[in-house]
Amino acid sequence: MTDYSSVCPGYKQVEAFGPDDEYEEEEIAYVTLDLGNVEPTLIPSSSNYRLIGLDTPTPFLQLSGTVFKGRHDSLLGTEMLFTDGKDPSDSSKRAVTHVANTEQRICFKEVQLRPKPEVVAEEVEVNEEQERHKLDMMTGKTARVPLPRGRRKAAQQAAETVEESGEPEEDGGPGGADKS
């Protein structure tokens, strides 16, 4: 066994640690969900739900196909949460039991989800054609067509070879403009 006290004075080697439950700390937080003005039959008819992004600024809740977007609110006071139960001594009476307190609420409102519009290839071609016919504001000549990011270096090299040979490419490619 090595003596570690010389390396770190004041410390001693521990042979075994205590039970793990002494080191684990579990925190339970209660948050109330405020659905606002919702269809009265929606909640009782929903047997399951989806709650997504509870720890984000905008959580989403889905009840039977209805989607809600939420926002976190801090309460000015404290809400007390109770469970419903029946009084075992008298079945006609209800008994409530205090569960916890909370100071947070998530307010939801119904939203409609729509799919993102797909970009049609024809629209892209039209936009490229419009780009080719733009005029430079300073010179009045046809503006250079912006190139995709990965092709700039290749276009610069092609432009350098055009300058060296003195002849533009036939198709009005990256270095030259159309002569028509």
C-alpha atoms as a PDB file:
ATOM      1  CA  MET A   1       0.000   0.000   0.000  1.00  0.00           C
ATOM      2  CA  THR A   2       1.368   3.389  -1.025  1.00  0.00           C
ATOM      3  CA  ASP A   3       1.443   6.273   1.398  1.00  0.00           C
ATOM      4  CA  TYR A   4      -0.242   9.241  -0.354  1.00  0.00           C
ATOM      5  CA  SER A   5       0.080  11.608   2.589  1.00  0.00           C
ATOM      6  CA  SER A   6       3.482  12.737   1.324  1.00  0.00           C
ATOM      7  CA  VAL A   7       2.026  13.737  -2.063  1.00  0.00           C
ATOM      8  CA  CYS A   8      -1.047  15.467  -0.663  1.00  0.00           C
ATOM      9  CA  PRO A   9      -0.506  16.444   2.965  1.00  0.00           C
ATOM     10  CA  GLY A  10      -3.671  16.339   5.058  1.00  0.00           C
ATOM     11  CA  TYR A  11      -5.376  13.670   2.915  1.00  0.00           C
ATOM     12  CA  LYS A  12      -5.726   9.989   3.660  1.00  0.00           C
ATOM     13  CA  GLN A  13      -6.597   7.040   1.464  1.00  0.00           C
ATOM     14  CA  VAL A  14     -10.131   5.701   1.755  1.00  0.00           C
ATOM     15  CA  GLU A  15     -10.535   1.934   1.630  1.00  0.00           C
ATOM     16  CA  ALA A  16     -14.245   1.948   0.732  1.00  0.00           C
ATOM     17  CA  PHE A  17     -16.972   4.475   0.068  1.00  0.00           C
ATOM     18  CA  GLY A  18     -20.304   4.549   1.870  1.00  0.00           C
ATOM     19  CA  PRO A  19     -23.611   3.570   0.243  1.00  0.00           C
ATOM     20  CA  ASP A  20     -24.375   5.338  -3.050  1.00  0.00           C
ATOM     21  CA  ASP A  21     -27.737   6.609  -1.839  1.00  0.00           C
ATOM     22  CA  GLU A  22     -25.913   9.047   0.438  1.00  0.00           C
ATOM     23  CA  TYR A  23     -24.437  10.788  -2.610  1.00  0.00           C
ATOM     24  CA  GLU A  24     -27.475  10.833  -4.890  1.00  0.00           C
ATOM     25  CA  GLU A  25     -29.874  13.713  -4.607  1.00  0.00           C
ATOM     26  CA  GLU A  26     -33.195  13.530  -6.382  1.00  0.00           C
ATOM     27  CA  GLU A  27     -35.167  16.689  -6.962  1.00  0.00           C
ATOM     28  CA  ILE A  28     -38.847  16.632  -7.818  1.00  0.00           C
ATOM     29  CA  ALA A  29     -40.467  19.737  -9.253  1.00  0.00           C
ATOM     30  CA  TYR A  30     -44.192  20.148  -9.847  1.00  0.00           C
ATOM     31  CA  VAL A  31     -45.525  22.341 -12.643  1.00  0.00           C
ATOM     32  CA  THR A  32     -49.181  22.989 -13.423  1.00  0.00           C
ATOM     33  CA  LEU A  33     -50.394  22.976 -17.022  1.00  0.00           C
ATOM     34  CA  ASP A  34     -52.928  25.659 -17.955  1.00  0.00           C
ATOM     35  CA  LEU A  35     -54.767  24.767 -21.181  1.00  0.00           C
ATOM     36  CA  GLY A  36     -56.907  27.913 -21.191  1.00  0.00           C
ATOM     37  CA  ASN A  37     -60.141  27.723 -23.188  1.00  0.00           C
ATOM     38  CA  VAL A  38     -60.071  24.194 -24.505  1.00  0.00           C
ATOM     39  CA  GLU A  39     -62.882  22.028 -25.841  1.00  0.00           C
ATOM     40  CA  PRO A  40     -64.527  20.589 -22.673  1.00  0.00           C
ATOM     41  CA  THR A  41     -64.692  17.062 -24.108  1.00  0.00           C
ATOM     42  CA  LEU A  42     -61.042  17.006 -25.207  1.00  0.00           C
ATOM     43  CA  ILE A  43     -59.416  16.270 -21.850  1.00  0.00           C
ATOM     44  CA  PRO A  44     -61.743  13.464 -20.653  1.00  0.00           C
ATOM     45  CA  SER A  45     -61.650  11.801 -24.090  1.00  0.00           C
ATOM     46  CA  SER A  46     -57.833  11.808 -24.262  1.00  0.00           C
ATOM     47  CA  SER A  47     -56.415   8.586 -22.912  1.00  0.00           C
ATOM     48  CA  ASN A  48     -52.811   9.619 -23.572  1.00  0.00           C
ATOM     49  CA  TYR A  49     -50.791  12.723 -24.316  1.00  0.00           C
ATOM     50  CA  ARG A  50     -47.385  13.834 -25.571  1.00  0.00           C
ATOM     51  CA  LEU A  51     -45.399  16.510 -23.798  1.00  0.00           C
ATOM     52  CA  ILE A  52     -42.290  17.569 -25.693  1.00  0.00           C
ATOM     53  CA  GLY A  53     -39.630  20.047 -24.613  1.00  0.00           C
ATOM     54  CA  LEU A  54     -40.685  20.526 -21.017  1.00  0.00           C
ATOM     55  CA  ASP A  55     -37.255  21.988 -20.232  1.00  0.00           C
ATOM     56  CA  THR A  56     -37.283  24.372 -23.239  1.00  0.00           C
ATOM     57  CA  PRO A  57     -38.813  27.881 -23.407  1.00  0.00           C
ATOM     58  CA  THR A  58     -41.627  26.622 -25.678  1.00  0.00           C
ATOM     59  CA  PRO A  59     -42.901  23.154 -24.742  1.00  0.00           C
ATOM     60  CA  PHE A  60     -45.510  21.435 -26.916  1.00  0.00           C
ATOM     61  CA  LEU A  61     -48.431  19.302 -25.748  1.00  0.00           C
ATOM     62  CA  GLN A  62     -50.511  16.992 -27.931  1.00  0.00           C
ATOM     63  CA  LEU A  63     -53.915  15.721 -26.805  1.00  0.00           C
ATOM     64  CA  SER A  64     -55.772  13.468 -29.266  1.00  0.00           C
ATOM     65  CA  GLY A  65     -54.328  15.223 -32.316  1.00  0.00           C
ATOM     66  CA  THR A  66     -54.783  18.754 -30.943  1.00  0.00           C
ATOM     67  CA  VAL A  67     -51.439  20.525 -30.532  1.00  0.00           C
ATOM     68  CA  PHE A  68     -50.718  23.220 -27.958  1.00  0.00           C
ATOM     69  CA  LYS A  69     -47.710  25.523 -27.688  1.00  0.00           C
ATOM     70  CA  GLY A  70     -46.730  26.604 -24.188  1.00  0.00           C
ATOM     71  CA  ARG A  71     -44.727  29.191 -22.324  1.00  0.00           C
ATOM     72  CA  HIS A  72     -43.358  29.083 -18.785  1.00  0.00           C
ATOM     73  CA  ASP A  73     -44.807  31.510 -16.239  1.00  0.00           C
ATOM     74  CA  SER A  74     -43.594  32.154 -12.712  1.00  0.00           C
ATOM     75  CA  LEU A  75     -46.446  32.648 -10.271  1.00  0.00           C
ATOM     76  CA  LEU A  76     -46.628  35.550  -7.831  1.00  0.00           C
ATOM     77  CA  GLY A  77     -47.739  33.228  -5.080  1.00  0.00           C
ATOM     78  CA  THR A  78     -47.756  29.512  -4.453  1.00  0.00           C
ATOM     79  CA  GLU A  79     -50.215  26.970  -5.802  1.00  0.00           C
ATOM     80  CA  MET A  80     -51.040  24.085  -3.524  1.00  0.00           C
ATOM     81  CA  LEU A  81     -51.559  20.734  -5.253  1.00  0.00           C
ATOM     82  CA  PHE A  82     -53.948  18.121  -3.861  1.00  0.00           C
ATOM     83  CA  THR A  83     -55.035  14.620  -4.862  1.00  0.00           C
ATOM     84  CA  ASP A  84     -58.644  13.530  -5.025  1.00  0.00           C
ATOM     85  CA  GLY A  85     -59.664  10.583  -2.954  1.00  0.00           C
ATOM     86  CA  LYS A  86     -62.565   9.106  -1.077  1.00  0.00           C
ATOM     87  CA  ASP A  87     -62.967   9.152   2.649  1.00  0.00           C
ATOM     88  CA  PRO A  88     -62.599   5.501   3.721  1.00  0.00           C
ATOM     89  CA  SER A  89     -64.966   5.964   6.669  1.00  0.00           C
ATOM     90  CA  ASP A  90     -67.756   7.603   4.618  1.00  0.00           C
ATOM     91  CA  SER A  91     -67.993   6.804   0.886  1.00  0.00           C
ATOM     92  CA  SER A  92     -70.271   9.807   0.229  1.00  0.00           C
ATOM     93  CA  LYS A  93     -67.544  12.267   1.253  1.00  0.00           C
ATOM     94  CA  ARG A  94     -64.426  13.191  -0.672  1.00  0.00           C
ATOM     95  CA  ALA A  95     -61.060  13.550   0.948  1.00  0.00           C
ATOM     96  CA  VAL A  96     -58.183  15.547  -0.460  1.00  0.00           C
ATOM     97  CA  THR A  97     -54.537  15.113   0.409  1.00  0.00           C
ATOM     98  CA  HIS A  98     -51.892  17.799   0.025  1.00  0.00           C
ATOM     99  CA  VAL A  99     -49.166  16.620  -2.381  1.00  0.00           C
ATOM    100  CA  ALA A 100     -46.911  19.591  -3.032  1.00  0.00           C
ATOM    101  CA  ASN A 101     -46.599  23.301  -3.722  1.00  0.00           C
ATOM    102  CA  THR A 102     -45.501  24.918  -6.965  1.00  0.00           C
ATOM    103  CA  GLU A 103     -44.567  28.366  -8.170  1.00  0.00           C
ATOM    104  CA  GLN A 104     -44.436  27.519 -11.874  1.00  0.00           C
ATOM    105  CA  ARG A 105     -47.105  27.154 -14.519  1.00  0.00           C
ATOM    106  CA  ILE A 106     -47.004  26.413 -18.240  1.00  0.00           C
ATOM    107  CA  CYS A 107     -49.725  28.246 -20.154  1.00  0.00           C
ATOM    108  CA  PHE A 108     -50.708  26.539 -23.403  1.00  0.00           C
ATOM    109  CA  LYS A 109     -52.658  27.760 -26.401  1.00  0.00           C
ATOM    110  CA  GLU A 110     -53.850  25.744 -29.365  1.00  0.00           C
ATOM    111  CA  VAL A 111     -51.794  25.996 -32.553  1.00  0.00           C
ATOM    112  CA  GLN A 112     -52.147  24.593 -36.051  1.00  0.00           C
ATOM    113  CA  LEU A 113     -49.122  22.765 -37.423  1.00  0.00           C
ATOM    114  CA  ARG A 114     -48.534  23.077 -41.146  1.00  0.00           C
ATOM    115  CA  PRO A 115     -45.891  21.307 -43.212  1.00  0.00           C
ATOM    116  CA  LYS A 116     -43.095  23.450 -44.593  1.00  0.00           C
ATOM    117  CA  PRO A 117     -43.608  24.279 -48.271  1.00  0.00           C
ATOM    118  CA  GLU A 118     -41.358  22.267 -50.559  1.00  0.00           C
ATOM    119  CA  VAL A 119     -39.101  24.128 -52.975  1.00  0.00           C
ATOM    120  CA  VAL A 120     -39.945  23.200 -56.552  1.00  0.00           C
ATOM    121  CA  ALA A 121     -36.998  22.703 -58.926  1.00  0.00           C
ATOM    122  CA  GLU A 122     -38.653  24.925 -61.575  1.00  0.00           C
ATOM    123  CA  GLU A 123     -38.721  27.883 -59.175  1.00  0.00           C
ATOM    124  CA  VAL A 124     -35.002  27.453 -58.528  1.00  0.00           C
ATOM    125  CA  GLU A 125     -34.281  27.424 -62.282  1.00  0.00           C
ATOM    126  CA  VAL A 126     -36.336  30.605 -62.777  1.00  0.00           C
ATOM    127  CA  ASN A 127     -34.419  32.327 -59.983  1.00  0.00           C
ATOM    128  CA  GLU A 128     -31.089  31.305 -61.559  1.00  0.00           C
ATOM    129  CA  GLU A 129     -32.264  32.678 -64.913  1.00  0.00           C
ATOM    130  CA  GLN A 130     -33.237  35.968 -63.265  1.00  0.00           C
ATOM    131  CA  GLU A 131     -29.809  36.132 -61.593  1.00  0.00           C
ATOM    132  CA  ARG A 132     -28.086  35.786 -64.992  1.00  0.00           C
ATOM    133  CA  HIS A 133     -29.936  38.798 -66.404  1.00  0.00           C
ATOM    134  CA  LYS A 134     -29.341  41.205 -63.523  1.00  0.00           C
ATOM    135  CA  LEU A 135     -27.396  44.365 -64.270  1.00  0.00           C
ATOM    136  CA  ASP A 136     -24.559  45.692 -62.165  1.00  0.00           C
ATOM    137  CA  MET A 137     -25.757  48.977 -60.597  1.00  0.00           C
ATOM    138  CA  MET A 138     -22.387  50.723 -61.042  1.00  0.00           C
ATOM    139  CA  THR A 139     -21.408  49.666 -64.564  1.00  0.00           C
ATOM    140  CA  GLY A 140     -24.728  48.854 -66.224  1.00  0.00           C
ATOM    141  CA  LYS A 141     -23.222  45.609 -67.521  1.00  0.00           C
ATOM    142  CA  THR A 142     -24.467  42.107 -66.855  1.00  0.00           C
ATOM    143  CA  ALA A 143     -23.655  41.156 -63.267  1.00  0.00           C
ATOM    144  CA  ARG A 144     -21.552  38.110 -62.436  1.00  0.00           C
ATOM    145  CA  VAL A 145     -23.555  35.084 -61.371  1.00  0.00           C
ATOM    146  CA  PRO A 146     -22.906  34.191 -57.716  1.00  0.00           C
ATOM    147  CA  LEU A 147     -21.458  30.709 -57.417  1.00  0.00           C
ATOM    148  CA  PRO A 148     -22.203  28.046 -54.848  1.00  0.00           C
ATOM    149  CA  ARG A 149     -19.692  28.089 -51.984  1.00  0.00           C
ATOM    150  CA  GLY A 150     -17.758  24.962 -52.953  1.00  0.00           C
ATOM    151  CA  ARG A 151     -17.185  26.077 -56.551  1.00  0.00           C
ATOM    152  CA  ARG A 152     -15.676  29.535 -55.952  1.00  0.00           C
ATOM    153  CA  LYS A 153     -12.076  28.367 -55.830  1.00  0.00           C
ATOM    154  CA  ALA A 154     -12.479  26.337 -59.035  1.00  0.00           C
ATOM    155  CA  ALA A 155     -14.104  29.361 -60.707  1.00  0.00           C
ATOM    156  CA  GLN A 156     -11.235  31.608 -59.625  1.00  0.00           C
ATOM    157  CA  GLN A 157      -8.725  29.172 -61.088  1.00  0.00           C
ATOM    158  CA  ALA A 158     -10.739  29.026 -64.337  1.00  0.00           C
ATOM    159  CA  ALA A 159     -10.841  32.833 -64.458  1.00  0.00           C
ATOM    160  CA  GLU A 160      -7.061  32.971 -64.018  1.00  0.00           C
ATOM    161  CA  THR A 161      -6.558  30.571 -66.930  1.00  0.00           C
ATOM    162  CA  VAL A 162      -8.896  32.710 -69.071  1.00  0.00           C
ATOM    163  CA  GLU A 163      -6.881  35.818 -68.226  1.00  0.00           C
ATOM    164  CA  GLU A 164      -3.646  34.020 -69.130  1.00  0.00           C
ATOM    165  CA  SER A 165      -4.964  32.743 -72.482  1.00  0.00           C
ATOM    166  CA  GLY A 166      -6.922  35.902 -73.248  1.00  0.00           C
ATOM    167  CA  GLU A 167      -9.931  33.949 -74.512  1.00  0.00           C
ATOM    168  CA  PRO A 168     -13.195  33.539 -72.568  1.00  0.00           C
ATOM    169  CA  GLU A 169     -14.800  30.136 -72.274  1.00  0.00           C
ATOM    170  CA  GLU A 170     -17.374  29.329 -74.951  1.00  0.00           C
ATOM    171  CA  ASP A 171     -20.328  28.790 -72.616  1.00  0.00           C
ATOM    172  CA  GLY A 172     -19.862  32.060 -70.736  1.00  0.00           C
ATOM    173  CA  GLY A 173     -18.846  29.907 -67.747  1.00  0.00           C
ATOM    174  CA  PRO A 174     -17.579  31.011 -64.383  1.00  0.00           C
ATOM    175  CA  GLY A 175     -15.026  33.517 -65.638  1.00  0.00           C
ATOM    176  CA  GLY A 176     -16.821  35.162 -68.535  1.00  0.00           C
ATOM    177  CA  ALA A 177     -20.168  36.711 -69.335  1.00  0.00           C
ATOM    178  CA  ASP A 178     -22.470  35.940 -72.247  1.00  0.00           C
ATOM    179  CA  LYS A 179     -21.693  38.052 -75.317  1.00  0.00           C
ATOM    180  CA  SER A 180     -25.213  37.846 -76.762  1.00  0.00           C
END
